[in-house]
Amino acid sequence: MKVRDVMTASPVTVPPDLSVPEAAAVMKAGGFHHLPVVKDRKLIGMLTDRDLKEALPSDVGALTIFEVSYLLERLNVERIMTEPVTIRPGRDVREAACKMLDLQIDGLTVLDPRERLVGILTVTDLLRTFVGRTSILMAAQKPFQSRSGRA
């Protein structure tokens, strides 16, 4: 099975100059944990929910909620995004899963040979595929019938 068969095609993207609160709103509204960051049609980063959590102040101390809000409004995605880890759509899904395990990440951006973003592959995509395939296998198996007719 290939990455193209499992990935989420045409993912929602954000520009690097989007504010952190706006990006958080996009993630929340879409139920996303990853957002590719694109500038001039080129992938330049990946914003994850972890990036957002790390950008938020853990102990505001003397800052008021208004001051924190003011500072976050001026913080943009480009300042907190991470380097994207990529894979090609024709690669094997097992290779992608191993790459994710080795790097301890839960999402890969999928680029075509022209380096254009064509999809995103996440742990959720892999689990959805696994569950779907095991459900098909389980449905194909017939339960054992004893001579008494009980399973």
C-alpha atoms as a PDB file:
ATOM      1  CA  MET A   1       0.000   0.000   0.000  1.00  0.00           C
ATOM      2  CA  LYS A   2       1.313   3.433  -0.933  1.00  0.00           C
ATOM      3  CA  VAL A   3       1.271   6.717   0.955  1.00  0.00           C
ATOM      4  CA  ARG A   4      -1.057   8.197  -1.702  1.00  0.00           C
ATOM      5  CA  ASP A   5      -3.668   5.558  -0.797  1.00  0.00           C
ATOM      6  CA  VAL A   6      -3.749   6.528   2.870  1.00  0.00           C
ATOM      7  CA  MET A   7      -2.842  10.246   3.085  1.00  0.00           C
ATOM      8  CA  THR A   8      -5.221  13.139   3.440  1.00  0.00           C
ATOM      9  CA  ALA A   9      -5.065  14.885   0.075  1.00  0.00           C
ATOM     10  CA  SER A  10      -5.072  18.670  -0.315  1.00  0.00           C
ATOM     11  CA  PRO A  11      -4.683  19.493   3.383  1.00  0.00           C
ATOM     12  CA  VAL A  12      -5.644  22.840   4.856  1.00  0.00           C
ATOM     13  CA  THR A  13      -2.594  25.102   4.948  1.00  0.00           C
ATOM     14  CA  VAL A  14      -1.717  28.398   6.604  1.00  0.00           C
ATOM     15  CA  PRO A  15       0.600  31.246   5.621  1.00  0.00           C
ATOM     16  CA  PRO A  16       3.685  31.986   7.750  1.00  0.00           C
ATOM     17  CA  ASP A  17       2.461  35.454   8.730  1.00  0.00           C
ATOM     18  CA  LEU A  18      -0.782  34.166  10.295  1.00  0.00           C
ATOM     19  CA  SER A  19      -1.000  34.981  14.010  1.00  0.00           C
ATOM     20  CA  VAL A  20      -0.763  32.163  16.523  1.00  0.00           C
ATOM     21  CA  PRO A  21      -4.322  32.724  17.838  1.00  0.00           C
ATOM     22  CA  GLU A  22      -5.684  32.625  14.273  1.00  0.00           C
ATOM     23  CA  ALA A  23      -3.784  29.405  13.557  1.00  0.00           C
ATOM     24  CA  ALA A  24      -5.083  27.895  16.794  1.00  0.00           C
ATOM     25  CA  ALA A  25      -8.614  28.780  15.699  1.00  0.00           C
ATOM     26  CA  VAL A  26      -8.076  27.068  12.314  1.00  0.00           C
ATOM     27  CA  MET A  27      -6.790  23.950  14.073  1.00  0.00           C
ATOM     28  CA  LYS A  28      -9.671  23.887  16.523  1.00  0.00           C
ATOM     29  CA  ALA A  29     -12.348  24.493  13.890  1.00  0.00           C
ATOM     30  CA  GLY A  30     -11.002  21.736  11.644  1.00  0.00           C
ATOM     31  CA  GLY A  31     -10.044  19.314  14.417  1.00  0.00           C
ATOM     32  CA  PHE A  32      -6.452  19.342  13.120  1.00  0.00           C
ATOM     33  CA  HIS A  33      -3.246  18.555  14.978  1.00  0.00           C
ATOM     34  CA  HIS A  34      -1.005  19.583  12.060  1.00  0.00           C
ATOM     35  CA  LEU A  35      -1.056  22.461   9.596  1.00  0.00           C
ATOM     36  CA  PRO A  36       1.429  22.719   6.744  1.00  0.00           C
ATOM     37  CA  VAL A  37       2.808  26.241   6.411  1.00  0.00           C
ATOM     38  CA  VAL A  38       2.978  27.399   2.795  1.00  0.00           C
ATOM     39  CA  LYS A  39       4.443  30.541   1.231  1.00  0.00           C
ATOM     40  CA  ASP A  40       4.238  31.215  -2.513  1.00  0.00           C
ATOM     41  CA  ARG A  41       2.932  27.649  -3.020  1.00  0.00           C
ATOM     42  CA  LYS A  42       6.040  26.207  -1.366  1.00  0.00           C
ATOM     43  CA  LEU A  43       6.031  24.190   1.860  1.00  0.00           C
ATOM     44  CA  ILE A  44       8.205  25.985   4.410  1.00  0.00           C
ATOM     45  CA  GLY A  45       7.146  24.435   7.712  1.00  0.00           C
ATOM     46  CA  MET A  46       4.731  22.436   9.792  1.00  0.00           C
ATOM     47  CA  LEU A  47       2.698  23.806  12.662  1.00  0.00           C
ATOM     48  CA  THR A  48       1.670  21.237  15.239  1.00  0.00           C
ATOM     49  CA  ASP A  49      -0.498  21.388  18.316  1.00  0.00           C
ATOM     50  CA  ARG A  50       2.717  20.846  20.284  1.00  0.00           C
ATOM     51  CA  ASP A  51       4.201  24.001  18.714  1.00  0.00           C
ATOM     52  CA  LEU A  52       1.142  25.929  19.849  1.00  0.00           C
ATOM     53  CA  LYS A  53       1.325  24.571  23.393  1.00  0.00           C
ATOM     54  CA  GLU A  54       5.000  25.462  23.657  1.00  0.00           C
ATOM     55  CA  ALA A  55       4.317  28.991  22.391  1.00  0.00           C
ATOM     56  CA  LEU A  56       1.775  29.693  25.103  1.00  0.00           C
ATOM     57  CA  PRO A  57       3.193  31.071  28.343  1.00  0.00           C
ATOM     58  CA  SER A  58       3.179  28.454  31.096  1.00  0.00           C
ATOM     59  CA  ASP A  59       3.451  30.934  33.945  1.00  0.00           C
ATOM     60  CA  VAL A  60       2.343  34.428  33.074  1.00  0.00           C
ATOM     61  CA  GLY A  61       3.472  35.779  36.436  1.00  0.00           C
ATOM     62  CA  ALA A  62       3.019  39.533  36.377  1.00  0.00           C
ATOM     63  CA  LEU A  63       1.363  39.645  32.949  1.00  0.00           C
ATOM     64  CA  THR A  64      -2.358  40.181  32.739  1.00  0.00           C
ATOM     65  CA  ILE A  65      -4.528  38.183  30.375  1.00  0.00           C
ATOM     66  CA  PHE A  66      -4.764  41.285  28.191  1.00  0.00           C
ATOM     67  CA  GLU A  67      -0.974  41.577  27.965  1.00  0.00           C
ATOM     68  CA  VAL A  68      -0.629  37.897  27.101  1.00  0.00           C
ATOM     69  CA  SER A  69      -3.308  38.249  24.440  1.00  0.00           C
ATOM     70  CA  TYR A  70      -1.584  41.342  23.038  1.00  0.00           C
ATOM     71  CA  LEU A  71       1.751  39.504  22.784  1.00  0.00           C
ATOM     72  CA  LEU A  72       0.240  36.385  21.199  1.00  0.00           C
ATOM     73  CA  GLU A  73      -1.559  38.451  18.553  1.00  0.00           C
ATOM     74  CA  ARG A  74       1.857  39.673  17.396  1.00  0.00           C
ATOM     75  CA  LEU A  75       3.444  36.212  17.357  1.00  0.00           C
ATOM     76  CA  ASN A  76       3.118  34.585  13.952  1.00  0.00           C
ATOM     77  CA  VAL A  77       3.247  30.992  12.778  1.00  0.00           C
ATOM     78  CA  GLU A  78       6.678  31.384  11.179  1.00  0.00           C
ATOM     79  CA  ARG A  79       8.255  31.998  14.584  1.00  0.00           C
ATOM     80  CA  ILE A  80       7.012  28.741  16.130  1.00  0.00           C
ATOM     81  CA  MET A  81       6.645  26.274  13.218  1.00  0.00           C
ATOM     82  CA  THR A  82       8.934  23.273  12.893  1.00  0.00           C
ATOM     83  CA  GLU A  83      10.901  21.905   9.965  1.00  0.00           C
ATOM     84  CA  PRO A  84       8.614  19.643   7.920  1.00  0.00           C
ATOM     85  CA  VAL A  85       9.486  15.988   7.464  1.00  0.00           C
ATOM     86  CA  THR A  86       8.435  14.863   4.013  1.00  0.00           C
ATOM     87  CA  ILE A  87       7.737  11.738   2.026  1.00  0.00           C
ATOM     88  CA  ARG A  88       6.696  11.037  -1.570  1.00  0.00           C
ATOM     89  CA  PRO A  89       3.213   9.733  -2.412  1.00  0.00           C
ATOM     90  CA  GLY A  90       4.591   6.617  -4.104  1.00  0.00           C
ATOM     91  CA  ARG A  91       6.507   5.399  -1.054  1.00  0.00           C
ATOM     92  CA  ASP A  92       5.326   2.401   0.932  1.00  0.00           C
ATOM     93  CA  VAL A  93       3.116   3.094   3.955  1.00  0.00           C
ATOM     94  CA  ARG A  94       5.327   0.895   6.132  1.00  0.00           C
ATOM     95  CA  GLU A  95       8.302   3.101   5.277  1.00  0.00           C
ATOM     96  CA  ALA A  96       6.304   6.166   6.310  1.00  0.00           C
ATOM     97  CA  ALA A  97       5.240   4.528   9.575  1.00  0.00           C
ATOM     98  CA  CYS A  98       8.843   3.548  10.357  1.00  0.00           C
ATOM     99  CA  LYS A  99      10.013   7.086   9.614  1.00  0.00           C
ATOM    100  CA  MET A 100       7.398   8.464  11.987  1.00  0.00           C
ATOM    101  CA  LEU A 101       8.389   5.993  14.699  1.00  0.00           C
ATOM    102  CA  ASP A 102      12.122   6.621  14.261  1.00  0.00           C
ATOM    103  CA  LEU A 103      11.706  10.398  14.429  1.00  0.00           C
ATOM    104  CA  GLN A 104       8.985  10.226  17.103  1.00  0.00           C
ATOM    105  CA  ILE A 105       6.614  12.394  15.090  1.00  0.00           C
ATOM    106  CA  ASP A 106       2.983  11.878  14.215  1.00  0.00           C
ATOM    107  CA  GLY A 107       2.708  13.554  10.843  1.00  0.00           C
ATOM    108  CA  LEU A 108       4.502  13.742   7.495  1.00  0.00           C
ATOM    109  CA  THR A 109       3.930  16.163   4.667  1.00  0.00           C
ATOM    110  CA  VAL A 110       3.598  14.513   1.273  1.00  0.00           C
ATOM    111  CA  LEU A 111       5.361  16.214  -1.637  1.00  0.00           C
ATOM    112  CA  ASP A 112       5.202  15.331  -5.318  1.00  0.00           C
ATOM    113  CA  PRO A 113       8.395  15.188  -7.452  1.00  0.00           C
ATOM    114  CA  ARG A 114       8.044  18.936  -8.157  1.00  0.00           C
ATOM    115  CA  GLU A 115       8.157  19.578  -4.384  1.00  0.00           C
ATOM    116  CA  ARG A 116       4.491  20.601  -4.306  1.00  0.00           C
ATOM    117  CA  LEU A 117       2.416  19.738  -1.253  1.00  0.00           C
ATOM    118  CA  VAL A 118      -0.126  17.088  -2.230  1.00  0.00           C
ATOM    119  CA  GLY A 119      -1.097  15.672   1.141  1.00  0.00           C
ATOM    120  CA  ILE A 120      -0.401  14.959   4.756  1.00  0.00           C
ATOM    121  CA  LEU A 121      -0.011  11.584   6.416  1.00  0.00           C
ATOM    122  CA  THR A 122      -0.739  11.327  10.125  1.00  0.00           C
ATOM    123  CA  VAL A 123      -0.930   8.614  12.724  1.00  0.00           C
ATOM    124  CA  THR A 124      -4.703   8.978  12.505  1.00  0.00           C
ATOM    125  CA  ASP A 125      -4.578   8.163   8.776  1.00  0.00           C
ATOM    126  CA  LEU A 126      -2.485   5.065   9.518  1.00  0.00           C
ATOM    127  CA  LEU A 127      -4.799   3.919  12.310  1.00  0.00           C
ATOM    128  CA  ARG A 128      -7.889   4.493  10.170  1.00  0.00           C
ATOM    129  CA  THR A 129      -6.335   2.298   7.472  1.00  0.00           C
ATOM    130  CA  PHE A 130      -5.309  -0.377   9.967  1.00  0.00           C
ATOM    131  CA  VAL A 131      -8.776  -0.525  11.517  1.00  0.00           C
ATOM    132  CA  GLY A 132     -10.422  -0.627   8.104  1.00  0.00           C
ATOM    133  CA  ARG A 133      -8.210  -3.447   6.863  1.00  0.00           C
ATOM    134  CA  THR A 134      -8.535  -5.530  10.038  1.00  0.00           C
ATOM    135  CA  SER A 135     -12.323  -5.073   9.964  1.00  0.00           C
ATOM    136  CA  ILE A 136     -12.384  -6.443   6.423  1.00  0.00           C
ATOM    137  CA  LEU A 137     -10.226  -9.416   7.454  1.00  0.00           C
ATOM    138  CA  MET A 138     -12.364 -10.137  10.500  1.00  0.00           C
ATOM    139  CA  ALA A 139     -15.579  -9.959   8.472  1.00  0.00           C
ATOM    140  CA  ALA A 140     -14.134 -12.436   5.985  1.00  0.00           C
ATOM    141  CA  GLN A 141     -13.403 -14.979   8.711  1.00  0.00           C
ATOM    142  CA  LYS A 142     -16.266 -17.226   9.713  1.00  0.00           C
ATOM    143  CA  PRO A 143     -16.619 -18.135  13.373  1.00  0.00           C
ATOM    144  CA  PHE A 144     -15.844 -21.729  14.317  1.00  0.00           C
ATOM    145  CA  GLN A 145     -18.954 -23.867  14.554  1.00  0.00           C
ATOM    146  CA  SER A 146     -18.934 -26.876  16.852  1.00  0.00           C
ATOM    147  CA  ARG A 147     -20.994 -29.952  16.084  1.00  0.00           C
ATOM    148  CA  SER A 148     -23.612 -28.729  18.543  1.00  0.00           C
ATOM    149  CA  GLY A 149     -24.090 -25.642  16.404  1.00  0.00           C
ATOM    150  CA  ARG A 150     -22.684 -23.252  19.006  1.00  0.00           C
ATOM    151  CA  ALA A 151     -19.779 -20.978  18.232  1.00  0.00           C
END
